[in-house]
Amino acid sequence: METRHLVLAGRLAAIIGILAMRGRLRAIPWAAHDFLWLYPTLRRNCAWHGEVLTHFETQERAVWLTIDDGPDGTTSDILDVLARHSAKASFFGIGRKIAANPSLCARILAEGHTLENHTQSHPAGWWWIMPRPFVRREIENGFETILTATGQPPRYFRSPVGMNNPSVHPVASKLGLRVTGWSAEGCDGCPAAPTAVATRIMRAIFPGAIILMHEDRGSRHAVVTLSRILEKLNEAGYRTVIPPENALR
């Protein structure tokens, strides 16, 4: 039985316990139910609610570079850096930014990168608790925005902050999207020197790792950080690739 089915069965048993028990004993199934709902939602990249891609199969020193939250003011410079290093990346874009920057989206695809779904408006603060109709709207609108802007549907979806509530997988699955996490991050969303971010990422690198990076609203910080990471990857003999779908697990 898959983990998600076990979780659903556990939540159902907890609900039955809540209805059947009286007094203080009801606190036990309540706690069990809340744990089975909250833990896999709040723990980033947790696969209890369904598959979350965190690495891919490869016999080479290759990694998948993913860049969230664009296209933005730094996208053009980021593309220049990728071109200088002959590196490929997947941009997990926000729908409203994609709609506002069609030329950047066209350049992303023209240069051999991919554009993937990171919701329409990136409601990070309340995504974990969003009801299914709102989750559906965010994922579907992000999907349609990418399709309209590029003529190509996305293949992957990443939740804001990597938190996948119980509604994410059913909605993503209907659109043919695979929920994607990561295995190496440098916490580049927090103030830190580019070299420090690159060092954190390199500590978690292995063949088939998925790297998480972010664009940062027009600052040069993301560009310098990306340069450091690509330099260190090159020194370690790694290259960045877009992995074939059958290699992802």
Protein backbone atom coordinates (compact mmCIF):
# COMPACT_ATOMS: atom_id res chain seq x y z
CA MET A 1 0.00 0.00 0.00
CA GLU A 2 1.32 3.46 -0.90
CA THR A 3 2.21 5.90 1.85
CA ARG A 4 -0.58 8.30 0.88
CA HIS A 5 -3.13 5.50 1.25
CA LEU A 6 -1.77 4.65 4.68
CA VAL A 7 -2.04 8.31 5.69
CA LEU A 8 -5.64 8.50 4.47
CA ALA A 9 -6.48 5.28 6.29
CA GLY A 10 -4.89 6.64 9.47
CA ARG A 11 -6.86 9.88 9.24
CA LEU A 12 -10.09 7.95 8.68
CA ALA A 13 -9.37 5.74 11.70
CA ALA A 14 -8.66 8.85 13.75
CA ILE A 15 -11.98 10.42 12.71
CA ILE A 16 -13.80 7.23 13.70
CA GLY A 17 -11.98 7.37 17.03
CA ILE A 18 -13.02 10.98 17.55
CA LEU A 19 -16.67 10.07 16.95
CA ALA A 20 -16.54 6.94 19.10
CA MET A 21 -14.63 8.20 22.12
CA ARG A 22 -15.77 10.46 24.91
CA GLY A 23 -14.06 12.72 27.38
CA ARG A 24 -10.32 13.17 27.51
CA LEU A 25 -9.68 10.07 25.41
CA ARG A 26 -10.89 11.96 22.34
CA ALA A 27 -7.69 14.00 22.51
CA ILE A 28 -5.71 10.96 21.32
CA PRO A 29 -7.43 10.50 17.91
CA TRP A 30 -7.63 14.30 17.52
CA ALA A 31 -3.86 14.53 17.95
CA ALA A 32 -3.29 11.60 15.57
CA HIS A 33 -5.50 13.17 12.89
CA ASP A 34 -3.87 16.57 13.17
CA PHE A 35 -0.39 15.03 12.99
CA LEU A 36 -1.24 13.02 9.86
CA TRP A 37 -2.55 16.17 8.21
CA LEU A 38 -0.05 18.78 9.40
CA TYR A 39 3.25 16.90 9.32
CA PRO A 40 3.24 15.94 5.62
CA THR A 41 1.94 19.40 4.77
CA LEU A 42 4.42 21.50 6.74
CA ARG A 43 7.47 19.31 6.14
CA ARG A 44 8.92 20.45 2.83
CA ASN A 45 9.26 17.79 0.14
CA CYS A 46 7.36 15.23 2.21
CA ALA A 47 5.90 12.47 0.03
CA TRP A 48 3.19 11.27 2.43
CA HIS A 49 0.48 12.89 0.31
CA GLY A 50 1.95 11.65 -2.97
CA GLU A 51 5.10 11.48 -5.08
CA VAL A 52 7.57 14.35 -4.70
CA LEU A 53 10.58 14.31 -7.03
CA THR A 54 13.81 15.02 -5.17
CA HIS A 55 16.45 13.44 -7.43
CA PHE A 56 16.89 11.59 -10.71
CA GLU A 57 18.70 8.51 -11.94
CA THR A 58 22.02 9.12 -13.70
CA GLN A 59 25.38 7.45 -14.13
CA GLU A 60 27.05 10.81 -14.77
CA ARG A 61 28.08 13.71 -12.57
CA ALA A 62 24.97 15.64 -13.51
CA VAL A 63 22.44 17.71 -11.55
CA TRP A 64 19.15 19.44 -12.30
CA LEU A 65 19.26 23.18 -11.63
CA THR A 66 15.84 24.69 -10.83
CA ILE A 67 15.21 28.41 -10.35
CA ASP A 68 12.02 29.65 -8.66
CA ASP A 69 9.93 32.82 -8.55
CA GLY A 70 10.58 34.45 -11.94
CA PRO A 71 10.66 35.58 -14.60
CA ASP A 72 11.85 38.77 -12.98
CA GLY A 73 14.33 41.62 -13.27
CA THR A 74 17.29 39.27 -13.04
CA THR A 75 16.13 36.64 -15.53
CA SER A 76 17.97 38.09 -18.50
CA ASP A 77 21.26 38.25 -16.56
CA ILE A 78 20.69 34.73 -15.22
CA LEU A 79 20.24 33.47 -18.79
CA ASP A 80 23.50 35.16 -19.75
CA VAL A 81 25.32 33.38 -16.91
CA LEU A 82 23.80 30.02 -17.88
CA ALA A 83 24.88 30.55 -21.49
CA ARG A 84 28.47 31.36 -20.48
CA HIS A 85 28.66 28.08 -18.56
CA SER A 86 26.73 26.02 -21.17
CA ALA A 87 24.34 25.18 -18.32
CA LYS A 88 20.68 24.23 -18.56
CA ALA A 89 17.97 24.97 -15.99
CA SER A 90 14.25 24.71 -15.34
CA PHE A 91 12.54 27.95 -14.34
CA PHE A 92 9.60 27.37 -11.99
CA GLY A 93 7.73 30.54 -12.84
CA ILE A 94 4.89 32.47 -11.24
CA GLY A 95 1.96 32.86 -13.62
CA ARG A 96 1.37 36.58 -13.21
CA LYS A 97 5.07 37.26 -13.90
CA ILE A 98 5.04 34.94 -16.89
CA ALA A 99 2.08 36.82 -18.37
CA ALA A 100 3.93 40.11 -17.88
CA ASN A 101 7.18 38.90 -19.48
CA PRO A 102 6.42 36.91 -22.65
CA SER A 103 9.72 37.83 -24.30
CA LEU A 104 11.70 36.43 -21.37
CA CYS A 105 9.65 33.22 -21.52
CA ALA A 106 10.40 32.89 -25.22
CA ARG A 107 14.10 33.35 -24.55
CA ILE A 108 14.07 30.74 -21.77
CA LEU A 109 12.73 28.11 -24.17
CA ALA A 110 14.81 29.25 -27.14
CA GLU A 111 18.01 28.74 -25.14
CA GLY A 112 17.15 25.16 -24.21
CA HIS A 113 15.72 25.66 -20.72
CA THR A 114 12.22 24.75 -19.54
CA LEU A 115 9.44 26.76 -17.91
CA GLU A 116 7.48 25.01 -15.17
CA ASN A 117 4.50 25.77 -12.91
CA HIS A 118 5.00 27.49 -9.53
CA THR A 119 1.36 28.67 -9.12
CA GLN A 120 -0.28 31.75 -10.57
CA SER A 121 0.33 34.20 -7.71
CA HIS A 122 2.63 32.37 -5.22
CA PRO A 123 0.48 32.63 -2.06
CA ALA A 124 3.31 31.36 0.16
CA GLY A 125 1.93 32.52 3.50
CA TRP A 126 -1.33 30.56 3.36
CA TRP A 127 -0.69 27.92 0.68
CA TRP A 128 -0.34 25.15 3.26
CA ILE A 129 -3.91 25.63 4.47
CA MET A 130 -5.63 26.64 1.20
CA PRO A 131 -8.91 24.82 0.40
CA ARG A 132 -8.92 22.71 -2.76
CA PRO A 133 -10.87 25.18 -4.96
CA PHE A 134 -8.18 27.83 -4.37
CA VAL A 135 -5.36 25.32 -4.86
CA ARG A 136 -7.01 24.21 -8.11
CA ARG A 137 -7.32 27.78 -9.33
CA GLU A 138 -3.67 28.57 -8.58
CA ILE A 139 -2.31 25.46 -10.30
CA GLU A 140 -4.70 25.52 -13.25
CA ASN A 141 -4.21 29.24 -13.90
CA GLY A 142 -0.44 28.82 -13.71
CA PHE A 143 -0.68 25.94 -16.19
CA GLU A 144 -2.85 27.90 -18.63
CA THR A 145 -0.67 31.01 -18.37
CA ILE A 146 2.44 29.02 -19.34
CA LEU A 147 0.59 27.30 -22.18
CA THR A 148 -0.69 30.63 -23.50
CA ALA A 149 2.69 32.36 -23.22
CA THR A 150 4.79 29.60 -24.78
CA GLY A 151 2.50 27.19 -26.60
CA GLN A 152 3.98 24.40 -24.48
CA PRO A 153 2.40 22.92 -21.34
CA PRO A 154 4.55 22.57 -18.21
CA ARG A 155 5.43 19.08 -17.01
CA TYR A 156 6.26 19.79 -13.37
CA PHE A 157 4.76 21.69 -10.45
CA ARG A 158 6.43 23.04 -7.33
CA SER A 159 4.43 24.30 -4.35
CA PRO A 160 5.34 27.61 -2.71
CA VAL A 161 7.88 26.87 0.04
CA GLY A 162 7.74 23.20 -0.96
CA MET A 163 4.70 22.57 1.27
CA ASN A 164 2.24 20.18 -0.34
CA ASN A 165 -1.15 20.13 1.36
CA PRO A 166 -3.55 17.23 0.65
CA SER A 167 -5.13 19.07 -2.31
CA VAL A 168 -1.92 19.53 -4.33
CA HIS A 169 -1.39 16.04 -5.75
CA PRO A 170 -4.97 15.41 -6.97
CA VAL A 171 -5.03 18.75 -8.81
CA ALA A 172 -1.53 18.39 -10.26
CA SER A 173 -2.21 14.83 -11.38
CA LYS A 174 -5.30 15.83 -13.38
CA LEU A 175 -3.12 18.26 -15.33
CA GLY A 176 -0.38 15.69 -15.90
CA LEU A 177 2.04 17.54 -13.63
CA ARG A 178 4.56 15.80 -11.38
CA VAL A 179 5.12 17.48 -8.01
CA THR A 180 8.77 18.47 -7.72
CA GLY A 181 10.92 19.24 -4.70
CA TRP A 182 14.70 19.38 -4.34
CA SER A 183 17.65 17.78 -2.60
CA ALA A 184 20.16 20.65 -2.46
CA GLU A 185 19.49 24.23 -1.37
CA GLY A 186 21.58 27.10 -0.10
CA CYS A 187 18.86 29.16 1.62
CA ASP A 188 19.42 31.89 -0.96
CA GLY A 189 16.07 33.43 -0.03
CA CYS A 190 17.70 34.67 3.18
CA PRO A 191 20.48 37.30 3.33
CA ALA A 192 23.75 35.46 2.78
CA ALA A 193 26.97 35.89 0.82
CA PRO A 194 26.93 34.16 -2.59
CA THR A 195 29.93 32.04 -1.61
CA ALA A 196 28.15 30.85 1.55
CA VAL A 197 25.07 29.86 -0.46
CA ALA A 198 27.20 28.00 -3.00
CA THR A 199 29.07 26.18 -0.24
CA ARG A 200 25.80 24.98 1.35
CA ILE A 201 24.57 23.68 -1.99
CA MET A 202 27.81 21.89 -2.79
CA ARG A 203 27.66 20.03 0.53
CA ALA A 204 24.41 18.40 -0.64
CA ILE A 205 25.42 17.66 -4.22
CA PHE A 206 25.48 14.12 -5.62
CA PRO A 207 24.85 12.69 -9.10
CA GLY A 208 21.14 13.23 -9.78
CA ALA A 209 20.61 15.99 -7.19
CA ILE A 210 17.96 18.66 -7.76
CA ILE A 211 19.21 22.15 -6.87
CA LEU A 212 16.85 24.86 -5.63
CA MET A 213 17.59 28.53 -6.35
CA HIS A 214 15.51 31.70 -6.48
CA GLU A 215 15.36 34.91 -8.39
CA ASP A 216 15.21 37.89 -6.10
CA ARG A 217 13.20 40.79 -7.44
CA GLY A 218 15.82 42.60 -9.50
CA SER A 219 18.80 42.32 -7.16
CA ARG A 220 22.20 41.32 -8.55
CA HIS A 221 22.55 38.90 -5.64
CA ALA A 222 20.99 35.96 -7.50
CA VAL A 223 23.22 36.47 -10.53
CA VAL A 224 26.44 36.46 -8.51
CA THR A 225 25.26 33.48 -6.47
CA LEU A 226 24.45 31.49 -9.60
CA SER A 227 27.90 32.26 -11.01
CA ARG A 228 29.55 30.95 -7.83
CA ILE A 229 27.48 27.76 -7.89
CA LEU A 230 28.21 27.03 -11.55
CA GLU A 231 31.92 27.66 -10.99
CA LYS A 232 32.00 25.21 -8.06
CA LEU A 233 29.99 22.62 -9.98
CA ASN A 234 32.44 22.89 -12.86
CA GLU A 235 35.40 22.51 -10.51
CA ALA A 236 33.79 19.34 -9.11
CA GLY A 237 33.20 17.93 -12.59
CA TYR A 238 29.42 18.37 -12.59
CA ARG A 239 27.20 19.67 -15.36
CA THR A 240 23.59 20.84 -15.19
CA VAL A 241 21.02 19.06 -17.33
CA ILE A 242 17.28 18.80 -17.90
CA PRO A 243 16.75 15.14 -16.93
CA PRO A 244 14.51 12.89 -19.01
CA GLU A 245 11.17 12.31 -17.32
CA ASN A 246 11.73 8.56 -16.99
CA ALA A 247 14.87 9.22 -14.91
CA LEU A 248 12.99 11.16 -12.25
CA ARG A 249 11.80 9.51 -9.06
